């Protein structure tokens, strides 16, 4: 039996050794293909780059001067690409047949998934919103693509539609860059559509935005207003920005509005970073404290327990409590982690999905010492700054309140906005819904009344915003300075108490040994 087993192992080892050259050979072919593809594309890019101009002229040339390189032609004729190229050509013929028989256009934009070859000859797969295959094909051809396939179905709509789980929201950092650059290009005399195309090229590394930028360009090409085109991108752009641009289109002040919104989002980002900075250090201290306490209870205390049991030491109530807590934690750590995770997720979903729960929690947090003022000052800063921007851009007060109601996540202030809209409809003053409300400080109320009576409400809202922004910043800084020593004291007391409970019985053992 041992002889047969040894012979079998030897045969397997021999076969593995013989297979090594074949394995190396196929890997050499695989990496050679990748290397050749990389070299050819690099040559192609370098050749194209030599004839490109700098600055804006380069972008214009990229959009209009498209010519297939001889390097790309050589690459297409390589043996390992011939079958694939024939498949794409067949798909292209099928697409042309479908386009000839398509005449109807949808009243609402759909999500189409396409396969096309871009300007430098690389196959590109993506999605774009459009009203028909013919419209999407025409748009892609204008952008310099050779189109092979355009498909729409329920699966594509579910995965890539504006309301899908894959629908992204532009980060504040990217939005700031986008607004600033767009304003600069428009001021330079570039048309809006061309400016958006240039930005699409500049942000091509942000692949998650690519579909929405292309869809935006498509909508502008089809003659849609800028605000409407932004609105059709789902959650990509904030509602406030869309409404401000809609107002700017009516007044013809698009460049100024883009600058104002860039400043607005920059200030909001600074406020958010202040909150994160204030909470980061206490959170890290708390996590560190929990980690240290858990480590001591699970790994240090059991060692002392063995010593106490071997010496039959007398234990006080505190020591017995720590030992029982250690045993419970050691035996139920998995259950405790599961309960914490499930409880945290349940709390998160209840807060985001259940309005009464969210409103109740916000009510008690806003009545808590220190924390309540931080929340109120932050909400007032955002409200007054946004209200000032809306009024400065000639947005109607009722529309402004509706926008403010939608952009805030605080249910208390949502109710104030709704009441304000009702009061305006009845012909009453804006300030009525803010009067004697516990969530609106007296200073804010009287400044609203002053602005309303003088007709300078936008300027007064800006002053209120600056005032509460400074109050919020000061309070956050003080809170940070206040929490740090509390966390350190808490850690010292808890860890010190555990250590004291462990060491005290040791003195009894030492006395027993000495006697």
Protein backbone atom coordinates (compact mmCIF):
# COMPACT_ATOMS: atom_id res chain seq x y z
CA UNK A 1 0.00 0.00 0.00
CA UNK A 2 2.82 2.36 0.91
CA UNK A 3 4.63 1.48 -2.32
CA UNK A 4 1.55 2.28 -4.42
CA UNK A 5 1.04 5.54 -2.60
CA UNK A 6 4.66 6.53 -3.09
CA UNK A 7 4.48 5.68 -6.81
CA UNK A 8 1.30 7.72 -7.19
CA UNK A 9 2.87 10.75 -5.47
CA UNK A 10 5.96 10.46 -7.64
CA UNK A 11 3.84 10.35 -10.81
CA UNK A 12 1.89 13.41 -9.73
CA UNK A 13 5.09 15.32 -8.98
CA UNK A 14 6.46 14.35 -12.39
CA UNK A 15 3.30 15.53 -14.18
CA UNK A 16 3.40 18.84 -12.30
CA UNK A 17 7.05 19.35 -13.30
CA UNK A 18 6.21 18.60 -16.94
CA UNK A 19 3.32 21.06 -16.84
CA UNK A 20 5.52 23.96 -15.70
CA UNK A 21 6.91 24.85 -19.18
CA UNK A 22 3.38 24.90 -20.66
CA UNK A 23 2.16 27.09 -17.81
CA UNK A 24 5.04 29.50 -18.33
CA UNK A 25 4.49 29.53 -22.09
CA UNK A 26 0.78 30.40 -21.87
CA UNK A 27 1.46 33.11 -19.29
CA UNK A 28 4.15 34.59 -21.57
CA UNK A 29 1.58 34.73 -24.39
CA UNK A 30 -1.02 36.32 -22.11
CA UNK A 31 1.30 39.03 -20.81
CA UNK A 32 2.82 39.57 -24.28
CA UNK A 33 -0.66 40.31 -25.59
CA UNK A 34 -1.26 42.82 -22.78
CA UNK A 35 2.16 44.39 -23.31
CA UNK A 36 1.67 44.71 -27.07
CA UNK A 37 -1.74 46.26 -26.55
CA UNK A 38 -0.31 48.74 -24.04
CA UNK A 39 2.62 49.69 -26.30
CA UNK A 40 0.39 50.19 -29.32
CA UNK A 41 -2.05 52.36 -27.43
CA UNK A 42 0.80 54.38 -25.96
CA UNK A 43 2.20 54.95 -29.44
CA UNK A 44 -1.25 55.97 -30.57
CA UNK A 45 -1.67 58.43 -27.71
CA UNK A 46 1.78 59.89 -28.24
CA UNK A 47 1.12 60.36 -31.94
CA UNK A 48 -2.21 62.06 -31.25
CA UNK A 49 -0.68 64.13 -28.48
CA UNK A 50 1.97 65.55 -30.82
CA UNK A 51 -0.68 67.20 -32.98
CA UNK A 52 -2.82 68.49 -30.11
CA UNK A 53 -2.80 72.07 -28.98
CA UNK A 54 -2.81 73.34 -25.41
CA UNK A 55 -5.61 74.84 -23.33
CA UNK A 56 -9.05 75.27 -24.78
CA UNK A 57 -7.91 74.73 -28.36
CA UNK A 58 -6.81 71.22 -27.38
CA UNK A 59 -10.30 70.40 -26.17
CA UNK A 60 -11.90 71.80 -29.31
CA UNK A 61 -9.52 69.78 -31.45
CA UNK A 62 -10.36 66.63 -29.48
CA UNK A 63 -14.02 67.21 -30.14
CA UNK A 64 -13.78 67.96 -33.90
CA UNK A 65 -10.48 66.62 -35.28
CA UNK A 66 -10.83 62.84 -35.00
CA UNK A 67 -8.73 60.63 -37.25
CA UNK A 68 -8.00 56.92 -36.96
CA UNK A 69 -4.31 56.19 -36.45
CA UNK A 70 -2.37 53.68 -38.50
CA UNK A 71 -1.20 52.12 -35.24
CA UNK A 72 -4.83 51.43 -34.35
CA UNK A 73 -5.41 49.91 -37.78
CA UNK A 74 -2.43 47.62 -37.24
CA UNK A 75 -3.72 46.66 -33.81
CA UNK A 76 -7.19 45.86 -35.20
CA UNK A 77 -5.66 43.47 -37.76
CA UNK A 78 -3.82 41.38 -35.18
CA UNK A 79 -5.00 37.76 -35.10
CA UNK A 80 -6.38 37.83 -31.58
CA UNK A 81 -8.68 40.83 -32.40
CA UNK A 82 -10.08 39.78 -35.77
CA UNK A 83 -12.87 37.64 -34.32
CA UNK A 84 -13.84 40.32 -31.84
CA UNK A 85 -13.86 43.03 -34.52
CA UNK A 86 -16.08 40.88 -36.74
CA UNK A 87 -18.49 40.42 -33.83
CA UNK A 88 -18.68 44.20 -33.30
CA UNK A 89 -19.22 44.79 -37.00
CA UNK A 90 -22.11 42.33 -36.98
CA UNK A 91 -23.58 44.08 -33.94
CA UNK A 92 -23.22 47.40 -35.77
CA UNK A 93 -25.11 46.09 -38.82
CA UNK A 94 -27.86 44.78 -36.56
CA UNK A 95 -28.07 48.19 -34.85
CA UNK A 96 -28.40 50.00 -38.17
CA UNK A 97 -31.23 47.66 -39.14
CA UNK A 98 -33.00 48.42 -35.85
CA UNK A 99 -32.51 52.18 -36.29
CA UNK A 100 -34.06 52.11 -39.78
CA UNK A 101 -37.24 50.58 -38.35
CA UNK A 102 -37.48 52.89 -35.32
CA UNK A 103 -39.55 56.03 -35.64
CA UNK A 104 -41.25 56.58 -32.26
CA UNK A 105 -39.65 58.64 -29.50
CA UNK A 106 -40.45 58.16 -25.82
CA UNK A 107 -42.03 61.04 -23.92
CA UNK A 108 -39.69 60.30 -20.98
CA UNK A 109 -35.98 59.61 -21.05
CA UNK A 110 -34.89 55.97 -20.71
CA UNK A 111 -31.53 54.47 -19.81
CA UNK A 112 -29.70 52.95 -22.79
CA UNK A 113 -26.61 50.78 -22.50
CA UNK A 114 -24.21 51.16 -25.40
CA UNK A 115 -21.07 49.55 -26.80
CA UNK A 116 -18.96 51.86 -28.97
CA UNK A 117 -15.41 52.57 -30.07
CA UNK A 118 -14.12 55.94 -28.90
CA UNK A 119 -11.86 58.41 -30.68
CA UNK A 120 -8.63 56.54 -29.94
CA UNK A 121 -10.08 53.20 -30.99
CA UNK A 122 -10.78 51.74 -27.55
CA UNK A 123 -14.00 49.81 -26.96
CA UNK A 124 -16.16 51.59 -24.41
CA UNK A 125 -19.26 50.36 -22.58
CA UNK A 126 -21.52 52.81 -20.80
CA UNK A 127 -25.05 54.04 -20.17
CA UNK A 128 -26.81 57.21 -21.21
CA UNK A 129 -30.31 58.66 -20.85
CA UNK A 130 -32.19 59.28 -24.09
CA UNK A 131 -35.60 59.38 -25.72
CA UNK A 132 -34.88 56.80 -28.42
CA UNK A 133 -32.10 54.63 -29.83
CA UNK A 134 -31.89 56.95 -32.82
CA UNK A 135 -31.30 60.01 -30.64
CA UNK A 136 -28.65 58.21 -28.59
CA UNK A 137 -26.92 56.95 -31.73
CA UNK A 138 -26.89 60.44 -33.26
CA UNK A 139 -25.46 61.94 -30.08
CA UNK A 140 -22.68 59.32 -29.81
CA UNK A 141 -21.75 59.79 -33.47
CA UNK A 142 -21.46 63.54 -32.90
CA UNK A 143 -19.12 62.82 -29.98
CA UNK A 144 -16.81 60.81 -32.27
CA UNK A 145 -17.90 57.28 -31.39
CA UNK A 146 -18.39 54.31 -33.71
CA UNK A 147 -21.53 52.73 -32.26
CA UNK A 148 -22.08 48.94 -32.23
CA UNK A 149 -24.93 48.36 -29.78
CA UNK A 150 -27.66 50.34 -28.01
CA UNK A 151 -29.93 48.37 -25.65
CA UNK A 152 -32.72 49.23 -23.22
CA UNK A 153 -34.58 46.82 -20.93
CA UNK A 154 -36.05 46.61 -17.42
CA UNK A 155 -32.83 45.27 -15.92
CA UNK A 156 -30.84 48.25 -17.23
CA UNK A 157 -33.52 50.63 -15.95
CA UNK A 158 -33.41 49.01 -12.50
CA UNK A 159 -29.60 49.01 -12.23
CA UNK A 160 -28.77 52.35 -13.85
CA UNK A 161 -31.95 54.43 -13.61
CA UNK A 162 -31.95 57.71 -11.71
CA UNK A 163 -33.76 56.16 -8.77
CA UNK A 164 -31.62 53.01 -8.65
CA UNK A 165 -29.43 51.90 -5.77
CA UNK A 166 -26.40 52.59 -7.99
CA UNK A 167 -27.35 56.23 -8.53
CA UNK A 168 -24.57 58.38 -7.03
CA UNK A 169 -24.68 61.83 -5.51
CA UNK A 170 -21.93 64.26 -6.43
CA UNK A 171 -19.64 64.94 -3.49
CA UNK A 172 -19.29 68.51 -2.24
CA UNK A 173 -15.62 68.59 -3.27
CA UNK A 174 -16.42 67.57 -6.86
CA UNK A 175 -19.42 69.89 -6.98
CA UNK A 176 -17.24 72.85 -5.94
CA UNK A 177 -14.75 72.09 -8.70
CA UNK A 178 -17.52 71.61 -11.25
CA UNK A 179 -19.28 74.88 -10.40
CA UNK A 180 -16.07 76.93 -10.29
CA UNK A 181 -14.77 75.60 -13.61
CA UNK A 182 -18.15 75.93 -15.32
CA UNK A 183 -18.42 79.56 -14.26
CA UNK A 184 -14.89 80.26 -15.52
CA UNK A 185 -15.55 78.70 -18.94
CA UNK A 186 -18.84 80.56 -19.43
CA UNK A 187 -17.17 83.86 -18.49
CA UNK A 188 -14.52 83.09 -21.13
CA UNK A 189 -17.19 83.09 -23.82
CA UNK A 190 -17.56 79.32 -24.22
CA UNK A 191 -21.10 78.10 -24.72
CA UNK A 192 -22.75 76.16 -21.92
CA UNK A 193 -22.84 72.87 -23.83
CA UNK A 194 -19.17 73.12 -24.82
CA UNK A 195 -18.23 74.04 -21.25
CA UNK A 196 -20.01 70.94 -19.90
CA UNK A 197 -18.22 68.81 -22.53
CA UNK A 198 -14.85 70.16 -21.44
CA UNK A 199 -15.70 69.42 -17.81
CA UNK A 200 -16.72 65.91 -18.81
CA UNK A 201 -13.25 65.41 -20.27
CA UNK A 202 -11.56 66.93 -17.22
CA UNK A 203 -13.46 64.65 -14.84
CA UNK A 204 -13.20 61.49 -16.96
CA UNK A 205 -11.46 59.68 -14.09
CA UNK A 206 -14.68 59.99 -12.07
CA UNK A 207 -16.30 57.04 -13.82
CA UNK A 208 -19.34 57.00 -11.53
CA UNK A 209 -20.31 60.45 -12.88
CA UNK A 210 -19.66 59.72 -16.54
CA UNK A 211 -23.16 58.54 -17.42
CA UNK A 212 -24.74 61.61 -15.84
CA UNK A 213 -22.37 64.05 -17.52
CA UNK A 214 -23.07 62.44 -20.90
CA UNK A 215 -26.78 62.54 -20.21
CA UNK A 216 -26.48 66.22 -19.25
CA UNK A 217 -24.67 66.97 -22.52
CA UNK A 218 -27.33 65.00 -24.40
CA UNK A 219 -30.18 66.99 -22.80
CA UNK A 220 -28.45 70.31 -23.56
CA UNK A 221 -27.85 69.19 -27.15
CA UNK A 222 -31.56 68.38 -27.45
CA UNK A 223 -32.34 71.98 -26.43
CA UNK A 224 -33.43 71.41 -22.84
CA UNK A 225 -32.94 74.28 -20.32
CA UNK A 226 -29.93 73.84 -18.04
CA UNK A 227 -32.04 73.50 -14.88
CA UNK A 228 -34.28 70.90 -16.51
CA UNK A 229 -31.26 68.94 -17.73
CA UNK A 230 -29.80 68.95 -14.20
CA UNK A 231 -33.12 67.88 -12.70
CA UNK A 232 -33.27 64.83 -14.98
CA UNK A 233 -30.04 63.46 -13.46
CA UNK A 234 -31.85 62.21 -10.35
CA UNK A 235 -29.93 62.75 -7.11
CA UNK A 236 -26.73 63.73 -8.88
CA UNK A 237 -27.18 67.49 -8.31
CA UNK A 238 -28.69 69.10 -5.16
CA UNK A 239 -32.27 70.45 -5.42
CA UNK A 240 -31.10 73.84 -4.15
CA UNK A 241 -28.62 74.20 -7.03
CA UNK A 242 -31.27 73.23 -9.58
CA UNK A 243 -33.75 75.80 -8.27
CA UNK A 244 -31.11 78.54 -8.09
CA UNK A 245 -30.11 77.89 -11.70
CA UNK A 246 -33.77 77.91 -12.73
CA UNK A 247 -34.08 81.38 -11.20
CA UNK A 248 -30.82 82.48 -12.84
CA UNK A 249 -32.11 81.42 -16.27
CA UNK A 250 -35.03 83.79 -15.81
CA UNK A 251 -32.81 86.71 -14.79
CA UNK A 252 -29.83 85.97 -17.07
CA UNK A 253 -27.32 85.86 -14.19
CA UNK A 254 -26.03 82.30 -14.57
CA UNK A 255 -22.33 83.09 -14.01
CA UNK A 256 -23.00 85.05 -10.80
CA UNK A 257 -25.31 82.30 -9.52
CA UNK A 258 -22.68 79.62 -10.17
CA UNK A 259 -20.15 81.67 -8.19
CA UNK A 260 -22.63 82.22 -5.36
CA UNK A 261 -23.45 78.52 -5.17
CA UNK A 262 -19.75 77.60 -5.15
CA UNK A 263 -19.21 79.94 -2.19
CA UNK A 264 -22.33 78.58 -0.50
CA UNK A 265 -21.25 74.93 -0.74
CA UNK A 266 -17.72 75.82 0.33
CA UNK A 267 -19.06 77.45 3.51
CA UNK A 268 -21.36 74.47 4.15
CA UNK A 269 -18.42 72.12 3.74
CA UNK A 270 -16.40 74.14 6.26
CA UNK A 271 -19.27 73.89 8.77
CA UNK A 272 -19.50 70.14 8.22
CA UNK A 273 -15.75 69.73 8.72
CA UNK A 274 -15.95 71.68 11.97
CA UNK A 275 -18.53 69.23 13.28
CA UNK A 276 -16.46 66.24 12.18
CA UNK A 277 -13.32 67.72 13.73
CA UNK A 278 -15.13 68.31 17.03
CA UNK A 279 -16.49 64.77 17.19
CA UNK A 280 -13.47 62.86 15.87
CA UNK A 281 -11.21 63.11 18.93
CA UNK A 282 -13.88 62.21 21.54
CA UNK A 283 -15.03 59.31 19.35
CA UNK A 284 -11.49 57.95 19.06
CA UNK A 285 -10.99 58.30 22.83
CA UNK A 286 -14.26 56.43 23.47
CA UNK A 287 -13.35 53.62 21.05
CA UNK A 288 -9.90 53.37 22.63
CA UNK A 289 -11.43 53.26 26.13
CA UNK A 290 -13.89 50.51 25.18
CA UNK A 291 -11.06 48.54 23.55
CA UNK A 292 -8.78 48.83 26.60
CA UNK A 293 -11.56 47.92 29.05
CA UNK A 294 -12.64 44.93 26.93
CA UNK A 295 -9.04 43.68 26.65
CA UNK A 296 -8.51 43.93 30.43
CA UNK A 297 -11.77 42.15 31.24
CA UNK A 298 -11.26 39.33 28.72
CA UNK A 299 -7.54 38.60 29.00
CA UNK A 300 -6.08 40.18 32.17
CA UNK A 301 -8.76 39.52 34.81
CA UNK A 302 -8.96 35.73 34.18
CA UNK A 303 -5.24 35.41 35.03
CA UNK A 304 -5.83 36.97 38.45
CA UNK A 305 -8.92 34.82 39.01
CA UNK A 306 -6.78 31.66 38.76
CA UNK A 307 -4.37 33.09 41.33
CA UNK A 308 -7.20 33.95 43.74
CA UNK A 309 -8.77 30.52 43.43
CA UNK A 310 -5.48 28.70 44.01
CA UNK A 311 -4.85 30.75 47.17
CA UNK A 312 -8.48 30.77 48.42
CA UNK A 313 -8.30 34.55 48.74
CA UNK A 314 -11.18 36.58 50.18
CA UNK A 315 -12.71 38.85 47.53
CA UNK A 316 -14.65 42.07 48.10
CA UNK A 317 -17.85 43.02 46.33
CA UNK A 318 -16.16 45.17 43.67
CA UNK A 319 -13.72 42.41 42.75
CA UNK A 320 -16.52 39.83 42.53
CA UNK A 321 -18.48 42.17 40.26
CA UNK A 322 -15.48 42.64 37.95
CA UNK A 323 -14.88 38.86 37.84
CA UNK A 324 -18.55 38.16 37.01
CA UNK A 325 -18.47 40.87 34.33
CA UNK A 326 -15.30 39.34 32.87
CA UNK A 327 -16.86 35.85 32.75
CA UNK A 328 -20.03 37.18 31.12
CA UNK A 329 -18.11 39.17 28.53
CA UNK A 330 -15.81 36.26 27.70
CA UNK A 331 -18.69 33.79 27.27
CA UNK A 332 -21.04 36.12 25.36
CA UNK A 333 -18.77 38.40 23.30
CA UNK A 334 -20.24 37.20 19.97
CA UNK A 335 -23.81 37.81 21.15
CA UNK A 336 -22.90 41.24 22.49
CA UNK A 337 -21.29 42.27 19.18
CA UNK A 338 -24.33 40.97 17.27
CA UNK A 339 -26.74 42.91 19.50
CA UNK A 340 -24.68 46.10 19.13
CA UNK A 341 -24.52 45.78 15.32
CA UNK A 342 -28.21 44.91 14.93
CA UNK A 343 -29.19 47.64 17.39
CA UNK A 344 -27.08 50.22 15.57
CA UNK A 345 -28.50 49.27 12.16
CA UNK A 346 -32.06 49.24 13.53
CA UNK A 347 -31.54 52.70 15.04
CA UNK A 348 -30.11 53.98 11.74
CA UNK A 349 -32.98 52.64 9.61
CA UNK A 350 -35.58 53.81 12.13
CA UNK A 351 -34.06 57.30 12.06
CA UNK A 352 -33.90 57.47 8.25
CA UNK A 353 -37.23 55.78 7.44
CA UNK A 354 -39.64 56.45 10.33
CA UNK A 355 -40.59 60.12 10.57
CA UNK A 356 -42.18 60.07 14.10
CA UNK A 357 -39.10 58.33 15.53
CA UNK A 358 -36.75 60.80 13.80
CA UNK A 359 -38.78 63.77 15.00
CA UNK A 360 -38.89 62.50 18.60
CA UNK A 361 -35.16 61.83 18.69
CA UNK A 362 -34.39 65.25 17.21
CA UNK A 363 -36.69 66.89 19.76
CA UNK A 364 -34.86 65.37 22.73
CA UNK A 365 -31.42 65.99 21.24
CA UNK A 366 -32.29 69.65 20.64
CA UNK A 367 -33.31 69.96 24.30
CA UNK A 368 -30.09 68.37 25.56
CA UNK A 369 -27.50 70.67 27.21
CA UNK A 370 -24.83 72.04 24.84
CA UNK A 371 -25.66 69.53 22.07
CA UNK A 372 -29.07 71.14 21.57
CA UNK A 373 -27.55 74.58 20.93
CA UNK A 374 -25.04 73.09 18.47
CA UNK A 375 -27.87 71.53 16.45
CA UNK A 376 -30.00 74.70 16.57
CA UNK A 377 -27.13 77.00 15.59
CA UNK A 378 -26.15 74.69 12.72
CA UNK A 379 -29.71 74.49 11.39
CA UNK A 380 -30.17 78.27 11.66
CA UNK A 381 -26.88 78.87 9.84
CA UNK A 382 -27.92 76.63 6.94
CA UNK A 383 -31.48 78.01 6.87
CA UNK A 384 -30.59 81.70 6.89
CA UNK A 385 -27.67 81.32 4.46
CA UNK A 386 -29.81 79.37 1.99
CA UNK A 387 -32.78 81.73 2.41
CA UNK A 388 -30.52 84.71 1.75
CA UNK A 389 -29.15 83.12 -1.43
CA UNK A 390 -32.65 82.29 -2.68
CA UNK A 391 -33.97 85.79 -2.03
CA UNK A 392 -30.89 87.38 -3.62
CA UNK A 393 -31.56 85.37 -6.79
CA UNK A 394 -35.19 86.55 -6.97
CA UNK A 395 -36.78 83.23 -5.99
CA UNK A 396 -40.33 83.68 -4.70
CA UNK A 397 -40.71 83.39 -0.93
CA UNK A 398 -43.17 80.50 -1.15
CA UNK A 399 -40.82 78.64 -3.50
CA UNK A 400 -37.92 79.46 -1.19
CA UNK A 401 -39.71 77.98 1.81
CA UNK A 402 -40.59 74.86 -0.14
CA UNK A 403 -36.94 74.45 -1.17
CA UNK A 404 -35.79 75.01 2.41
CA UNK A 405 -38.30 72.43 3.64
CA UNK A 406 -36.97 69.85 1.21
CA UNK A 407 -33.25 70.32 1.82
CA UNK A 408 -33.34 70.10 5.64
CA UNK A 409 -33.39 66.75 7.43
CA UNK A 410 -34.66 68.27 10.69
CA UNK A 411 -38.37 67.58 11.14
CA UNK A 412 -38.79 70.46 13.62
CA UNK A 413 -37.68 73.01 11.03
CA UNK A 414 -39.64 71.26 8.29
CA UNK A 415 -42.79 71.95 10.32
CA UNK A 416 -41.76 75.63 10.69
CA UNK A 417 -41.30 75.90 6.90
CA UNK A 418 -44.68 74.28 6.23
CA UNK A 419 -46.38 76.64 8.69
CA UNK A 420 -44.62 79.61 7.05
CA UNK A 421 -45.95 78.58 3.62
CA UNK A 422 -49.49 78.37 5.05
CA UNK A 423 -49.11 81.81 6.65
CA UNK A 424 -47.89 83.36 3.38
CA UNK A 425 -50.87 81.87 1.53
CA UNK A 426 -53.17 83.45 4.15
CA UNK A 427 -51.46 86.82 3.64
CA UNK A 428 -49.71 86.84 7.00
CA UNK A 429 -46.08 87.68 7.76
CA UNK A 430 -43.20 85.24 7.49
CA UNK A 431 -42.10 85.94 11.05
CA UNK A 432 -45.35 84.68 12.59
CA UNK A 433 -44.34 81.01 12.46
CA UNK A 434 -40.98 81.84 14.09
CA UNK A 435 -42.48 83.79 17.00
CA UNK A 436 -42.12 82.20 20.45
CA UNK A 437 -40.89 78.93 18.95
CA UNK A 438 -38.46 77.05 21.20
CA UNK A 439 -36.22 76.12 18.23
CA UNK A 440 -35.80 79.76 17.12
CA UNK A 441 -33.71 82.02 19.41
CA UNK A 442 -35.01 85.52 20.08
CA UNK A 443 -32.09 87.12 18.23
CA UNK A 444 -32.96 85.26 15.03
CA UNK A 445 -36.66 86.10 15.34
CA UNK A 446 -36.15 89.84 15.87
CA UNK A 447 -33.67 90.04 12.97
CA UNK A 448 -36.23 88.34 10.72
CA UNK A 449 -38.86 90.86 11.85
CA UNK A 450 -36.44 93.75 11.18
CA UNK A 451 -35.58 92.49 7.69
CA UNK A 452 -39.24 91.93 6.90
CA UNK A 453 -40.26 95.43 7.98
CA UNK A 454 -37.39 97.21 6.20
CA UNK A 455 -37.59 95.20 2.97
CA UNK A 456 -33.99 94.05 3.40
CA UNK A 457 -34.75 90.45 4.35
CA UNK A 458 -31.99 88.93 2.18
CA UNK A 459 -29.27 91.14 3.71
CA UNK A 460 -30.61 90.53 7.21
CA UNK A 461 -30.64 86.75 6.64
CA UNK A 462 -27.01 86.95 5.57
CA UNK A 463 -26.12 88.76 8.81
CA UNK A 464 -28.03 86.19 10.85
CA UNK A 465 -26.17 83.44 9.04
CA UNK A 466 -22.78 84.99 9.79
CA UNK A 467 -23.75 85.53 13.44
CA UNK A 468 -24.88 81.96 14.07
CA UNK A 469 -22.00 80.53 12.05
CA UNK A 470 -19.60 82.19 14.49
CA UNK A 471 -21.72 81.06 17.45
CA UNK A 472 -21.70 77.51 16.13
CA UNK A 473 -17.95 77.56 15.52
CA UNK A 474 -17.28 78.91 19.02
CA UNK A 475 -19.58 76.38 20.66
CA UNK A 476 -18.05 73.46 18.75
CA UNK A 477 -14.54 74.58 19.77
CA UNK A 478 -15.60 74.87 23.42
CA UNK A 479 -17.33 71.50 23.27
CA UNK A 480 -14.18 69.91 21.93
CA UNK A 481 -12.13 71.42 24.76
CA UNK A 482 -14.78 70.34 27.27
CA UNK A 483 -15.20 66.73 26.08
CA UNK A 484 -11.49 65.86 25.88
CA UNK A 485 -10.77 66.05 29.66
CA UNK A 486 -14.08 64.32 30.44
CA UNK A 487 -13.14 61.39 28.20
CA UNK A 488 -9.69 61.17 29.78
CA UNK A 489 -11.16 61.29 33.31
CA UNK A 490 -13.71 58.62 32.37
CA UNK A 491 -10.97 56.35 31.01
CA UNK A 492 -8.81 56.91 34.10
CA UNK A 493 -11.67 56.23 36.54
CA UNK A 494 -12.95 53.07 34.81
CA UNK A 495 -9.55 51.51 34.10
CA UNK A 496 -8.25 52.63 37.50
CA UNK A 497 -11.29 51.12 39.20
CA UNK A 498 -10.76 47.78 37.46
CA UNK A 499 -7.09 47.72 38.36
CA UNK A 500 -7.87 48.69 41.97
CA UNK A 501 -10.45 45.89 42.23
CA UNK A 502 -7.82 43.41 41.04
CA UNK A 503 -4.91 44.62 43.18
CA UNK A 504 -6.68 45.03 46.57
CA UNK A 505 -7.09 41.23 47.12
CA UNK A 506 -3.37 40.85 46.38
CA UNK A 507 -2.55 42.78 49.54
CA UNK A 508 -4.62 40.28 51.54
CA UNK A 509 -2.68 37.42 50.00
CA UNK A 510 0.62 39.09 50.84
CA UNK A 511 -0.46 39.58 54.49
CA UNK A 512 -1.50 35.93 54.70
CA UNK A 513 1.84 34.80 53.30
CA UNK A 514 3.81 36.99 55.75
CA UNK A 515 1.86 35.69 58.77
